[in-house]
Amino acid sequence: MSKILITSGPTRQYIDPVRFLSNASSGRMGAALAAAALEFGHEVTIVSGPVDISYPAEAQVVPVVTTEEMLRESMRLFSQCDGVIGVAAPCDYRPREVAKHKIAKNGEKLTLYFEETPDVLATLGASKTSRQWVVGFALETDDARLKALRKMIVKNCDMLVLNGPSAIDARDNEVEIFLKSGDSAGVFHGTKIELGREIFSLIQKHIIC
C-alpha cells in the first residue's frame, strides 16, 4: 500500500474582500483518481480548493482556498507520502496588493497589477526524494504536446496527463498520457470516473508496480 497525495480543484486569489480570481475546475478528476487509488488499496489524502462535489469518504480531505495555502499544505503532507498526483488547477496569478475594503465603482477605469503565484507541482517535484514520484496534469490550448513534454521535465514528473480547456467543469474528457521517457501511453476518452481508473492503472503499472 502506498500513501498518495492528490491536489484537486481550483484556488482563489482575492482582489478585495468579496472578489477573487479563479477558474471553473470542479474537482471531479481529483475525486475520480482518489476513488481509483482507494480501489487499488492505497491510502489517499486530498488537498482541495473550493469545490461543490464530494470526495470519497475513505480519503482524508484538507481544504484550502489560495494557491499559497495549497502549496503549504501539500509540502507539509508530501514528506509523509510516496507520491503525488497534481490534478489541481491553482490560480497562476495574484494581485500585487489586495484591497482592504470592497473596491467601489467610481466611473473610472481600474488598473490591477498581478504577479505569479508559486508553482505547486514544480515545488513538489523539486523536493521529491528518490523514493517518491510525481504525476502532473497539463491543460494547454496550443502546441499542446510540446508544452506538456516540457512541463514534465521542468516539474520533474514521472508521468504527465495532457488535456484541453474542454475538461474544465466537464463530466467527460479526453487525455493523452506521457511516460517519463517522453513516449505516449495513448489517448483515452470517457467519463472522468472511467479516466480516473485508466490513469491510475497506468500509474500502478509504470510507477508503483
N, C-alpha and C. Protein backbone atom coordinates (compact mmCIF):
# COMPACT_ATOMS: atom_id res chain seq x y z
N MET A 1 0.83 -1.21 0.00
CA MET A 1 0.00 0.00 0.00
C MET A 1 0.86 1.25 0.00
N SER A 2 0.49 2.22 -0.83
CA SER A 2 1.20 3.49 -0.89
C SER A 2 0.35 4.59 -0.25
N LYS A 3 1.04 5.59 0.24
CA LYS A 3 0.36 6.80 0.71
C LYS A 3 0.43 7.82 -0.42
N ILE A 4 -0.73 8.24 -0.91
CA ILE A 4 -0.78 9.09 -2.10
C ILE A 4 -1.45 10.42 -1.79
N LEU A 5 -0.80 11.48 -2.19
CA LEU A 5 -1.34 12.83 -2.06
C LEU A 5 -1.93 13.25 -3.41
N ILE A 6 -3.12 13.82 -3.38
CA ILE A 6 -3.75 14.34 -4.60
C ILE A 6 -4.11 15.81 -4.36
N THR A 7 -3.67 16.68 -5.25
CA THR A 7 -4.14 18.06 -5.21
C THR A 7 -5.28 18.18 -6.20
N SER A 8 -6.34 18.91 -5.83
CA SER A 8 -7.55 18.89 -6.63
C SER A 8 -8.29 20.23 -6.55
N GLY A 9 -9.07 20.51 -7.59
CA GLY A 9 -9.91 21.70 -7.59
C GLY A 9 -9.16 22.98 -7.92
N PRO A 10 -9.86 24.11 -7.87
CA PRO A 10 -9.25 25.41 -8.15
C PRO A 10 -8.72 26.05 -6.88
N THR A 11 -8.03 27.15 -7.02
CA THR A 11 -7.75 28.02 -5.88
C THR A 11 -8.30 29.41 -6.19
N ARG A 12 -8.32 30.25 -5.17
CA ARG A 12 -8.80 31.62 -5.31
C ARG A 12 -7.74 32.60 -4.85
N GLN A 13 -7.60 33.68 -5.59
CA GLN A 13 -6.70 34.77 -5.20
C GLN A 13 -7.55 36.04 -5.11
N TYR A 14 -7.67 36.56 -3.91
CA TYR A 14 -8.60 37.67 -3.67
C TYR A 14 -8.06 39.00 -4.16
N ILE A 15 -8.96 39.79 -4.74
CA ILE A 15 -8.67 41.15 -5.18
C ILE A 15 -9.07 42.14 -4.09
N ASP A 16 -10.22 41.89 -3.48
CA ASP A 16 -10.71 42.65 -2.33
C ASP A 16 -11.48 41.65 -1.47
N PRO A 17 -12.13 42.05 -0.39
CA PRO A 17 -12.77 41.07 0.49
C PRO A 17 -13.87 40.24 -0.15
N VAL A 18 -14.42 40.64 -1.31
CA VAL A 18 -15.54 39.91 -1.90
C VAL A 18 -15.27 39.42 -3.33
N ARG A 19 -14.18 39.82 -3.94
CA ARG A 19 -13.89 39.44 -5.33
C ARG A 19 -12.58 38.67 -5.40
N PHE A 20 -12.54 37.71 -6.33
CA PHE A 20 -11.33 36.90 -6.46
C PHE A 20 -11.15 36.41 -7.88
N LEU A 21 -9.90 36.03 -8.21
CA LEU A 21 -9.57 35.33 -9.45
C LEU A 21 -9.67 33.84 -9.19
N SER A 22 -10.18 33.09 -10.15
CA SER A 22 -10.25 31.64 -10.01
C SER A 22 -10.50 31.03 -11.37
N ASN A 23 -10.92 29.78 -11.40
CA ASN A 23 -11.31 29.10 -12.64
C ASN A 23 -12.41 28.10 -12.31
N ALA A 24 -12.92 27.45 -13.33
CA ALA A 24 -14.11 26.59 -13.15
C ALA A 24 -13.76 25.14 -12.88
N SER A 25 -12.55 24.84 -12.43
CA SER A 25 -12.20 23.46 -12.10
C SER A 25 -13.18 22.91 -11.06
N SER A 26 -13.70 21.71 -11.33
CA SER A 26 -14.76 21.15 -10.49
C SER A 26 -14.25 20.21 -9.40
N GLY A 27 -13.06 19.67 -9.56
CA GLY A 27 -12.55 18.66 -8.64
C GLY A 27 -12.97 17.24 -9.00
N ARG A 28 -13.75 17.06 -10.10
CA ARG A 28 -14.24 15.73 -10.45
C ARG A 28 -13.10 14.76 -10.80
N MET A 29 -12.09 15.27 -11.52
CA MET A 29 -10.98 14.40 -11.89
C MET A 29 -10.19 13.97 -10.65
N GLY A 30 -10.02 14.88 -9.72
CA GLY A 30 -9.35 14.54 -8.47
C GLY A 30 -10.12 13.50 -7.69
N ALA A 31 -11.44 13.65 -7.65
CA ALA A 31 -12.28 12.68 -6.95
C ALA A 31 -12.21 11.31 -7.62
N ALA A 32 -12.21 11.29 -8.96
CA ALA A 32 -12.14 10.04 -9.70
C ALA A 32 -10.81 9.33 -9.46
N LEU A 33 -9.72 10.08 -9.44
CA LEU A 33 -8.41 9.48 -9.18
C LEU A 33 -8.31 8.97 -7.75
N ALA A 34 -8.89 9.72 -6.82
CA ALA A 34 -8.90 9.27 -5.43
C ALA A 34 -9.65 7.95 -5.29
N ALA A 35 -10.81 7.87 -5.95
CA ALA A 35 -11.60 6.64 -5.90
C ALA A 35 -10.83 5.46 -6.49
N ALA A 36 -10.14 5.71 -7.61
CA ALA A 36 -9.35 4.64 -8.25
C ALA A 36 -8.21 4.19 -7.35
N ALA A 37 -7.51 5.14 -6.74
CA ALA A 37 -6.39 4.80 -5.85
C ALA A 37 -6.88 3.98 -4.65
N LEU A 38 -8.03 4.35 -4.12
CA LEU A 38 -8.60 3.61 -2.99
C LEU A 38 -9.00 2.20 -3.41
N GLU A 39 -9.51 2.05 -4.64
CA GLU A 39 -9.87 0.72 -5.14
C GLU A 39 -8.65 -0.19 -5.23
N PHE A 40 -7.49 0.40 -5.50
CA PHE A 40 -6.25 -0.38 -5.55
C PHE A 40 -5.67 -0.64 -4.16
N GLY A 41 -6.32 -0.13 -3.13
CA GLY A 41 -5.89 -0.39 -1.77
C GLY A 41 -4.93 0.59 -1.17
N HIS A 42 -4.79 1.78 -1.79
CA HIS A 42 -3.86 2.78 -1.29
C HIS A 42 -4.55 3.74 -0.31
N GLU A 43 -3.72 4.45 0.43
CA GLU A 43 -4.20 5.48 1.35
C GLU A 43 -4.13 6.82 0.64
N VAL A 44 -5.20 7.61 0.71
CA VAL A 44 -5.28 8.84 -0.08
C VAL A 44 -5.57 10.06 0.80
N THR A 45 -4.80 11.11 0.58
CA THR A 45 -5.06 12.42 1.17
C THR A 45 -5.24 13.41 0.04
N ILE A 46 -6.29 14.22 0.12
CA ILE A 46 -6.60 15.20 -0.92
C ILE A 46 -6.47 16.61 -0.35
N VAL A 47 -5.66 17.42 -1.00
CA VAL A 47 -5.62 18.86 -0.69
C VAL A 47 -6.46 19.55 -1.75
N SER A 48 -7.59 20.09 -1.35
CA SER A 48 -8.56 20.59 -2.33
C SER A 48 -8.91 22.05 -2.11
N GLY A 49 -8.97 22.77 -3.24
CA GLY A 49 -9.54 24.10 -3.23
C GLY A 49 -11.05 24.01 -3.14
N PRO A 50 -11.75 25.15 -3.18
CA PRO A 50 -13.21 25.17 -3.01
C PRO A 50 -13.94 24.47 -4.16
N VAL A 51 -14.69 23.41 -3.85
CA VAL A 51 -15.45 22.66 -4.85
C VAL A 51 -16.84 22.34 -4.29
N ASP A 52 -17.76 22.02 -5.20
CA ASP A 52 -19.11 21.65 -4.80
C ASP A 52 -19.34 20.14 -4.77
N ILE A 53 -18.38 19.38 -5.22
CA ILE A 53 -18.52 17.92 -5.27
C ILE A 53 -18.13 17.30 -3.93
N SER A 54 -18.41 16.00 -3.78
CA SER A 54 -17.98 15.25 -2.61
C SER A 54 -16.84 14.31 -3.00
N TYR A 55 -15.86 14.21 -2.13
CA TYR A 55 -14.76 13.28 -2.35
C TYR A 55 -15.08 11.95 -1.65
N PRO A 56 -14.40 10.86 -2.05
CA PRO A 56 -14.65 9.57 -1.40
C PRO A 56 -14.48 9.68 0.12
N ALA A 57 -15.40 9.06 0.84
CA ALA A 57 -15.41 9.17 2.30
C ALA A 57 -14.14 8.59 2.92
N GLU A 58 -13.51 7.61 2.24
CA GLU A 58 -12.32 6.97 2.80
C GLU A 58 -11.07 7.84 2.69
N ALA A 59 -11.13 8.90 1.91
CA ALA A 59 -9.97 9.78 1.74
C ALA A 59 -9.97 10.88 2.80
N GLN A 60 -8.78 11.25 3.24
CA GLN A 60 -8.65 12.41 4.11
C GLN A 60 -8.64 13.65 3.23
N VAL A 61 -9.44 14.65 3.54
CA VAL A 61 -9.52 15.86 2.73
C VAL A 61 -9.05 17.06 3.55
N VAL A 62 -8.10 17.81 2.99
CA VAL A 62 -7.59 19.02 3.62
C VAL A 62 -8.03 20.20 2.76
N PRO A 63 -9.01 21.00 3.21
CA PRO A 63 -9.49 22.12 2.40
C PRO A 63 -8.56 23.33 2.46
N VAL A 64 -8.37 23.95 1.31
CA VAL A 64 -7.59 25.19 1.23
C VAL A 64 -8.32 26.16 0.32
N VAL A 65 -7.87 27.39 0.27
CA VAL A 65 -8.50 28.41 -0.59
C VAL A 65 -7.51 28.95 -1.61
N THR A 66 -6.39 29.46 -1.15
CA THR A 66 -5.44 30.12 -2.04
C THR A 66 -4.36 29.16 -2.53
N THR A 67 -3.65 29.57 -3.57
CA THR A 67 -2.52 28.79 -4.07
C THR A 67 -1.44 28.63 -3.01
N GLU A 68 -1.20 29.69 -2.26
CA GLU A 68 -0.19 29.64 -1.20
C GLU A 68 -0.56 28.60 -0.14
N GLU A 69 -1.85 28.54 0.21
CA GLU A 69 -2.30 27.55 1.19
C GLU A 69 -2.17 26.14 0.63
N MET A 70 -2.50 25.96 -0.66
CA MET A 70 -2.36 24.65 -1.28
C MET A 70 -0.90 24.20 -1.28
N LEU A 71 0.01 25.11 -1.57
CA LEU A 71 1.43 24.77 -1.56
C LEU A 71 1.88 24.41 -0.15
N ARG A 72 1.49 25.21 0.83
CA ARG A 72 1.93 24.96 2.20
C ARG A 72 1.45 23.59 2.70
N GLU A 73 0.17 23.29 2.51
CA GLU A 73 -0.37 22.02 2.98
C GLU A 73 0.19 20.84 2.19
N SER A 74 0.38 21.02 0.89
CA SER A 74 0.93 19.94 0.07
C SER A 74 2.36 19.63 0.46
N MET A 75 3.15 20.64 0.70
CA MET A 75 4.53 20.42 1.12
C MET A 75 4.58 19.75 2.49
N ARG A 76 3.70 20.14 3.38
CA ARG A 76 3.65 19.53 4.71
C ARG A 76 3.32 18.04 4.62
N LEU A 77 2.39 17.69 3.75
CA LEU A 77 1.92 16.32 3.65
C LEU A 77 2.80 15.44 2.76
N PHE A 78 3.44 16.04 1.76
CA PHE A 78 4.18 15.26 0.76
C PHE A 78 5.33 14.48 1.39
N SER A 79 5.94 15.02 2.42
CA SER A 79 7.06 14.33 3.06
C SER A 79 6.62 13.00 3.69
N GLN A 80 5.32 12.85 3.94
CA GLN A 80 4.78 11.64 4.55
C GLN A 80 4.22 10.68 3.50
N CYS A 81 4.29 11.07 2.21
CA CYS A 81 3.66 10.29 1.15
C CYS A 81 4.68 9.68 0.20
N ASP A 82 4.22 8.66 -0.53
CA ASP A 82 5.07 8.03 -1.52
C ASP A 82 5.01 8.73 -2.87
N GLY A 83 3.89 9.39 -3.15
CA GLY A 83 3.75 10.07 -4.42
C GLY A 83 2.64 11.09 -4.39
N VAL A 84 2.62 11.93 -5.41
CA VAL A 84 1.59 12.96 -5.53
C VAL A 84 1.04 12.98 -6.95
N ILE A 85 -0.27 13.17 -7.06
CA ILE A 85 -0.92 13.39 -8.34
C ILE A 85 -1.43 14.83 -8.33
N GLY A 86 -0.85 15.67 -9.15
CA GLY A 86 -1.19 17.10 -9.15
C GLY A 86 -2.24 17.40 -10.20
N VAL A 87 -3.50 17.18 -9.85
CA VAL A 87 -4.59 17.42 -10.79
C VAL A 87 -5.29 18.75 -10.54
N ALA A 88 -4.88 19.45 -9.48
CA ALA A 88 -5.49 20.75 -9.16
C ALA A 88 -5.19 21.77 -10.26
N ALA A 89 -6.02 22.81 -10.29
CA ALA A 89 -5.81 23.92 -11.22
C ALA A 89 -5.59 25.20 -10.40
N PRO A 90 -4.43 25.33 -9.77
CA PRO A 90 -4.17 26.51 -8.95
C PRO A 90 -4.16 27.79 -9.79
N CYS A 91 -4.63 28.86 -9.19
CA CYS A 91 -4.60 30.16 -9.86
C CYS A 91 -3.14 30.57 -10.06
N ASP A 92 -2.78 30.92 -11.29
CA ASP A 92 -1.38 31.20 -11.62
C ASP A 92 -0.95 32.62 -11.26
N TYR A 93 -1.92 33.51 -11.04
CA TYR A 93 -1.59 34.92 -10.75
C TYR A 93 -2.37 35.41 -9.54
N ARG A 94 -1.79 36.40 -8.87
CA ARG A 94 -2.44 37.05 -7.73
C ARG A 94 -2.19 38.55 -7.83
N PRO A 95 -3.10 39.34 -7.29
CA PRO A 95 -2.87 40.79 -7.29
C PRO A 95 -1.64 41.13 -6.46
N ARG A 96 -0.91 42.12 -6.88
CA ARG A 96 0.23 42.57 -6.07
C ARG A 96 -0.24 43.09 -4.72
N GLU A 97 -1.40 43.72 -4.72
CA GLU A 97 -1.98 44.24 -3.49
C GLU A 97 -3.45 43.84 -3.41
N VAL A 98 -3.89 43.45 -2.23
CA VAL A 98 -5.29 43.11 -2.01
C VAL A 98 -5.94 44.27 -1.26
N ALA A 99 -7.01 44.82 -1.84
CA ALA A 99 -7.70 45.95 -1.21
C ALA A 99 -8.33 45.51 0.11
N LYS A 100 -8.21 46.34 1.13
CA LYS A 100 -8.77 46.00 2.44
C LYS A 100 -10.29 46.13 2.47
N HIS A 101 -10.81 46.97 1.58
CA HIS A 101 -12.26 47.18 1.51
C HIS A 101 -12.73 46.92 0.08
N LYS A 102 -14.02 46.66 -0.08
CA LYS A 102 -14.60 46.41 -1.39
C LYS A 102 -14.31 47.59 -2.31
N ILE A 103 -13.79 47.28 -3.51
CA ILE A 103 -13.49 48.33 -4.48
C ILE A 103 -14.81 48.83 -5.07
N ALA A 104 -15.10 50.10 -4.90
CA ALA A 104 -16.37 50.66 -5.35
C ALA A 104 -16.24 51.26 -6.74
N LYS A 105 -17.33 51.23 -7.51
CA LYS A 105 -17.36 51.90 -8.80
C LYS A 105 -17.23 53.40 -8.62
N ASN A 106 -16.47 54.03 -9.53
CA ASN A 106 -16.36 55.50 -9.48
C ASN A 106 -16.40 56.12 -10.87
N GLY A 107 -16.77 55.29 -11.88
CA GLY A 107 -16.85 55.81 -13.25
C GLY A 107 -15.53 55.85 -13.98
N GLU A 108 -14.46 55.43 -13.31
CA GLU A 108 -13.12 55.45 -13.91
C GLU A 108 -12.64 54.03 -14.22
N LYS A 109 -11.64 53.93 -15.11
CA LYS A 109 -11.05 52.64 -15.38
C LYS A 109 -10.26 52.16 -14.16
N LEU A 110 -10.23 50.86 -13.98
CA LEU A 110 -9.50 50.28 -12.86
C LEU A 110 -8.32 49.46 -13.40
N THR A 111 -7.13 49.74 -12.91
CA THR A 111 -5.94 49.01 -13.31
C THR A 111 -5.48 48.14 -12.16
N LEU A 112 -5.29 46.85 -12.45
CA LEU A 112 -4.79 45.92 -11.45
C LEU A 112 -3.46 45.35 -11.92
N TYR A 113 -2.54 45.17 -11.02
CA TYR A 113 -1.24 44.59 -11.32
C TYR A 113 -1.14 43.22 -10.67
N PHE A 114 -0.67 42.25 -11.46
CA PHE A 114 -0.60 40.87 -10.97
C PHE A 114 0.82 40.35 -10.98
N GLU A 115 1.06 39.37 -10.14
CA GLU A 115 2.33 38.66 -10.11
C GLU A 115 2.04 37.16 -10.06
N GLU A 116 3.01 36.36 -10.44
CA GLU A 116 2.81 34.91 -10.46
C GLU A 116 2.71 34.36 -9.04
N THR A 117 1.88 33.35 -8.89
CA THR A 117 1.84 32.60 -7.63
C THR A 117 2.90 31.50 -7.68
N PRO A 118 3.22 30.90 -6.54
CA PRO A 118 4.17 29.78 -6.56
C PRO A 118 3.61 28.62 -7.38
N ASP A 119 4.48 27.86 -8.03
CA ASP A 119 4.07 26.69 -8.80
C ASP A 119 4.05 25.49 -7.86
N VAL A 120 2.85 25.03 -7.53
CA VAL A 120 2.71 23.96 -6.55
C VAL A 120 3.40 22.68 -7.01
N LEU A 121 3.08 22.23 -8.22
CA LEU A 121 3.62 20.95 -8.68
C LEU A 121 5.14 21.01 -8.89
N ALA A 122 5.63 22.12 -9.45
CA ALA A 122 7.07 22.25 -9.66
C ALA A 122 7.83 22.23 -8.33
N THR A 123 7.25 22.84 -7.31
CA THR A 123 7.89 22.86 -5.99
C THR A 123 7.91 21.46 -5.39
N LEU A 124 6.81 20.73 -5.53
CA LEU A 124 6.78 19.36 -5.04
C LEU A 124 7.76 18.49 -5.83
N GLY A 125 7.80 18.67 -7.15
CA GLY A 125 8.72 17.91 -7.97
C GLY A 125 10.17 18.15 -7.61
N ALA A 126 10.50 19.40 -7.29
CA ALA A 126 11.88 19.74 -6.93
C ALA A 126 12.27 19.17 -5.57
N SER A 127 11.26 18.89 -4.73
CA SER A 127 11.56 18.43 -3.38
C SER A 127 11.50 16.91 -3.23
N LYS A 128 11.08 16.21 -4.28
CA LYS A 128 10.87 14.76 -4.11
C LYS A 128 12.19 14.03 -3.90
N THR A 129 12.12 12.96 -3.13
CA THR A 129 13.29 12.12 -2.87
C THR A 129 13.33 10.99 -3.90
N SER A 130 14.34 10.17 -3.82
CA SER A 130 14.49 9.07 -4.78
C SER A 130 13.38 8.03 -4.64
N ARG A 131 12.73 7.98 -3.50
CA ARG A 131 11.65 7.00 -3.29
C ARG A 131 10.28 7.56 -3.68
N GLN A 132 10.21 8.83 -3.98
CA GLN A 132 8.92 9.46 -4.26
C GLN A 132 8.70 9.66 -5.76
N TRP A 133 7.43 9.81 -6.15
CA TRP A 133 7.09 10.04 -7.55
C TRP A 133 6.07 11.16 -7.67
N VAL A 134 6.02 11.75 -8.87
CA VAL A 134 5.14 12.89 -9.15
C VAL A 134 4.44 12.67 -10.47
N VAL A 135 3.13 12.77 -10.48
CA VAL A 135 2.33 12.73 -11.70
C VAL A 135 1.65 14.08 -11.86
N GLY A 136 1.82 14.70 -13.01
CA GLY A 136 1.26 16.02 -13.24
C GLY A 136 0.18 16.01 -14.30
N PHE A 137 -0.59 17.10 -14.31
CA PHE A 137 -1.59 17.34 -15.34
C PHE A 137 -1.23 18.66 -16.03
N ALA A 138 -1.47 18.72 -17.32
CA ALA A 138 -1.24 19.95 -18.08
C ALA A 138 -2.48 20.25 -18.91
N LEU A 139 -2.93 21.47 -18.86
CA LEU A 139 -4.05 21.91 -19.70
C LEU A 139 -3.50 22.96 -20.67
N GLU A 140 -3.53 22.64 -21.96
CA GLU A 140 -2.94 23.52 -22.96
C GLU A 140 -3.95 23.81 -24.08
N THR A 141 -3.77 24.96 -24.74
CA THR A 141 -4.65 25.35 -25.85
C THR A 141 -3.92 25.38 -27.19
N ASP A 142 -2.58 25.40 -27.18
CA ASP A 142 -1.81 25.41 -28.42
C ASP A 142 -0.46 24.75 -28.17
N ASP A 143 0.11 24.19 -29.24
CA ASP A 143 1.38 23.44 -29.11
C ASP A 143 1.32 22.52 -27.90
N ALA A 144 0.19 21.83 -27.74
CA ALA A 144 -0.12 21.12 -26.51
C ALA A 144 0.91 20.05 -26.15
N ARG A 145 1.25 19.19 -27.11
CA ARG A 145 2.15 18.08 -26.79
C ARG A 145 3.55 18.59 -26.43
N LEU A 146 4.03 19.58 -27.17
CA LEU A 146 5.35 20.14 -26.90
C LEU A 146 5.40 20.77 -25.52
N LYS A 147 4.37 21.55 -25.19
CA LYS A 147 4.33 22.22 -23.88
C LYS A 147 4.19 21.19 -22.75
N ALA A 148 3.42 20.15 -23.00
CA ALA A 148 3.24 19.11 -21.99
C ALA A 148 4.56 18.41 -21.68
N LEU A 149 5.30 18.06 -22.72
CA LEU A 149 6.57 17.38 -22.52
C LEU A 149 7.58 18.28 -21.81
N ARG A 150 7.53 19.56 -22.15
CA ARG A 150 8.43 20.50 -21.46
C ARG A 150 8.07 20.59 -19.98
N LYS A 151 6.77 20.65 -19.69
CA LYS A 151 6.34 20.73 -18.29
C LYS A 151 6.75 19.49 -17.51
N MET A 152 6.69 18.35 -18.16
CA MET A 152 7.07 17.11 -17.48
C MET A 152 8.52 17.17 -17.02
N ILE A 153 9.38 17.75 -17.85
CA ILE A 153 10.79 17.88 -17.50
C ILE A 153 10.99 18.94 -16.43
N VAL A 154 10.41 20.12 -16.66
CA VAL A 154 10.60 21.25 -15.74
C VAL A 154 10.07 20.95 -14.35
N LYS A 155 8.96 20.22 -14.29
CA LYS A 155 8.32 19.95 -13.00
C LYS A 155 8.74 18.61 -12.41
N ASN A 156 9.69 17.95 -13.07
CA ASN A 156 10.29 16.71 -12.55
C ASN A 156 9.23 15.63 -12.34
N CYS A 157 8.37 15.47 -13.35
CA CYS A 157 7.28 14.49 -13.26
C CYS A 157 7.72 13.12 -13.78
N ASP A 158 7.10 12.09 -13.24
CA ASP A 158 7.33 10.72 -13.70
C ASP A 158 6.26 10.29 -14.70
N MET A 159 5.21 11.07 -14.82
CA MET A 159 4.14 10.85 -15.79
C MET A 159 3.38 12.16 -15.90
N LEU A 160 2.83 12.43 -17.09
CA LEU A 160 2.06 13.65 -17.26
C LEU A 160 0.81 13.38 -18.09
N VAL A 161 -0.30 13.95 -17.65
CA VAL A 161 -1.59 13.78 -18.33
C VAL A 161 -1.94 15.11 -19.00
N LEU A 162 -2.13 15.07 -20.30
CA LEU A 162 -2.43 16.27 -21.08
C LEU A 162 -3.92 16.31 -21.41
N ASN A 163 -4.56 17.44 -21.13
CA ASN A 163 -5.93 17.65 -21.58
C ASN A 163 -6.11 19.09 -22.04
N GLY A 164 -7.30 19.42 -22.55
CA GLY A 164 -7.58 20.74 -23.07
C GLY A 164 -8.61 21.48 -22.25
N PRO A 165 -8.95 22.71 -22.65
CA PRO A 165 -9.88 23.53 -21.87
C PRO A 165 -11.28 22.95 -21.76
N SER A 166 -11.66 22.04 -22.66
CA SER A 166 -12.98 21.42 -22.57
C SER A 166 -13.10 20.53 -21.33
N ALA A 167 -11.97 20.24 -20.68
CA ALA A 167 -12.00 19.40 -19.48
C ALA A 167 -12.58 20.14 -18.28
N ILE A 168 -12.49 21.46 -18.29
CA ILE A 168 -12.90 22.25 -17.13
C ILE A 168 -14.39 22.09 -16.88
N ASP A 169 -14.73 21.65 -15.67
CA ASP A 169 -16.11 21.51 -15.20
C ASP A 169 -16.93 20.55 -16.06
N ALA A 170 -16.27 19.65 -16.78
CA ALA A 170 -16.97 18.68 -17.63
C ALA A 170 -17.02 17.33 -16.93
N ARG A 171 -17.98 16.51 -17.34
CA ARG A 171 -18.10 15.15 -16.80
C ARG A 171 -17.34 14.14 -17.65
N ASP A 172 -17.11 14.49 -18.93
CA ASP A 172 -16.34 13.65 -19.84
C ASP A 172 -15.06 14.39 -20.24
N ASN A 173 -14.09 13.64 -20.70
CA ASN A 173 -12.83 14.28 -21.08
C ASN A 173 -12.06 13.37 -22.03
N GLU A 174 -11.05 13.94 -22.68
CA GLU A 174 -10.09 13.18 -23.48
C GLU A 174 -8.70 13.60 -23.05
N VAL A 175 -7.85 12.63 -22.81
CA VAL A 175 -6.50 12.92 -22.33
C VAL A 175 -5.48 12.12 -23.12
N GLU A 176 -4.26 12.63 -23.16
CA GLU A 176 -3.12 11.86 -23.64
C GLU A 176 -2.15 11.74 -22.49
N ILE A 177 -1.61 10.55 -22.29
CA ILE A 177 -0.76 10.29 -21.14
C ILE A 177 0.67 10.03 -21.61
N PHE A 178 1.61 10.78 -21.03
CA PHE A 178 3.02 10.65 -21.38
C PHE A 178 3.80 10.02 -20.24
N LEU A 179 4.64 9.06 -20.59
CA LEU A 179 5.50 8.41 -19.62
C LEU A 179 6.78 9.24 -19.45
N LYS A 180 7.56 8.91 -18.44
CA LYS A 180 8.77 9.68 -18.14
C LYS A 180 9.74 9.68 -19.31
N SER A 181 9.73 8.61 -20.10
CA SER A 181 10.60 8.50 -21.27
C SER A 181 10.25 9.50 -22.35
N GLY A 182 9.05 10.11 -22.25
CA GLY A 182 8.55 11.00 -23.29
C GLY A 182 7.62 10.31 -24.26
N ASP A 183 7.54 9.00 -24.16
CA ASP A 183 6.64 8.24 -25.03
C ASP A 183 5.19 8.42 -24.59
N SER A 184 4.30 8.37 -25.57
CA SER A 184 2.88 8.45 -25.26
C SER A 184 2.35 7.06 -24.93
N ALA A 185 1.60 6.98 -23.83
CA ALA A 185 0.94 5.72 -23.47
C ALA A 185 -0.41 5.59 -24.15
N GLY A 186 -0.81 6.64 -24.88
CA GLY A 186 -2.06 6.59 -25.62
C GLY A 186 -2.99 7.73 -25.31
N VAL A 187 -4.02 7.84 -26.14
CA VAL A 187 -5.09 8.83 -25.96
C VAL A 187 -6.32 8.09 -25.45
N PHE A 188 -6.93 8.63 -24.42
CA PHE A 188 -8.06 7.96 -23.78
C PHE A 188 -9.20 8.96 -23.64
N HIS A 189 -10.42 8.49 -23.78
CA HIS A 189 -11.58 9.36 -23.58
C HIS A 189 -12.68 8.59 -22.88
N GLY A 190 -13.55 9.31 -22.19
CA GLY A 190 -14.64 8.70 -21.44
C GLY A 190 -15.06 9.62 -20.33
N THR A 191 -15.85 9.10 -19.41
CA THR A 191 -16.22 9.88 -18.24
C THR A 191 -14.98 10.06 -17.36
N LYS A 192 -15.01 11.04 -16.49
CA LYS A 192 -13.85 11.24 -15.63
C LYS A 192 -13.67 10.08 -14.66
N ILE A 193 -14.75 9.41 -14.31
CA ILE A 193 -14.62 8.21 -13.47
C ILE A 193 -13.86 7.13 -14.23
N GLU A 194 -14.21 6.93 -15.50
CA GLU A 194 -13.51 5.95 -16.32
C GLU A 194 -12.05 6.33 -16.52
N LEU A 195 -11.81 7.62 -16.78
CA LEU A 195 -10.44 8.08 -17.00
C LEU A 195 -9.62 7.98 -15.72
N GLY A 196 -10.26 8.23 -14.58
CA GLY A 196 -9.54 8.09 -13.31
C GLY A 196 -8.99 6.68 -13.15
N ARG A 197 -9.81 5.68 -13.49
CA ARG A 197 -9.36 4.28 -13.40
C ARG A 197 -8.25 4.00 -14.41
N GLU A 198 -8.41 4.54 -15.64
CA GLU A 198 -7.41 4.31 -16.68
C GLU A 198 -6.08 4.94 -16.31
N ILE A 199 -6.12 6.18 -15.86
CA ILE A 199 -4.89 6.88 -15.48
C ILE A 199 -4.22 6.18 -14.31
N PHE A 200 -5.01 5.83 -13.30
CA PHE A 200 -4.37 5.23 -12.13
C PHE A 200 -3.85 3.83 -12.43
N SER A 201 -4.50 3.11 -13.33
CA SER A 201 -3.97 1.80 -13.74
C SER A 201 -2.58 1.94 -14.34
N LEU A 202 -2.37 3.00 -15.12
CA LEU A 202 -1.05 3.24 -15.70
C LEU A 202 -0.04 3.67 -14.64
N ILE A 203 -0.50 4.46 -13.66
CA ILE A 203 0.38 4.82 -12.56
C ILE A 203 0.80 3.57 -11.80
N GLN A 204 -0.16 2.70 -11.55
CA GLN A 204 0.12 1.45 -10.83
C GLN A 204 1.11 0.59 -11.62
N LYS A 205 0.92 0.53 -12.93
CA LYS A 205 1.75 -0.34 -13.77
C LYS A 205 3.16 0.21 -13.97
N HIS A 206 3.27 1.51 -14.25
CA HIS A 206 4.57 2.07 -14.64
C HIS A 206 5.35 2.70 -13.50
N ILE A 207 4.66 3.09 -12.41
CA ILE A 207 5.35 3.82 -11.36
C ILE A 207 5.36 3.05 -10.03
N ILE A 208 4.18 2.66 -9.58
CA ILE A 208 4.10 1.99 -8.28
C ILE A 208 4.55 0.54 -8.39
N CYS A 209 4.08 -0.11 -9.47
CA CYS A 209 4.41 -1.53 -9.73
C CYS A 209 3.99 -2.41 -8.57
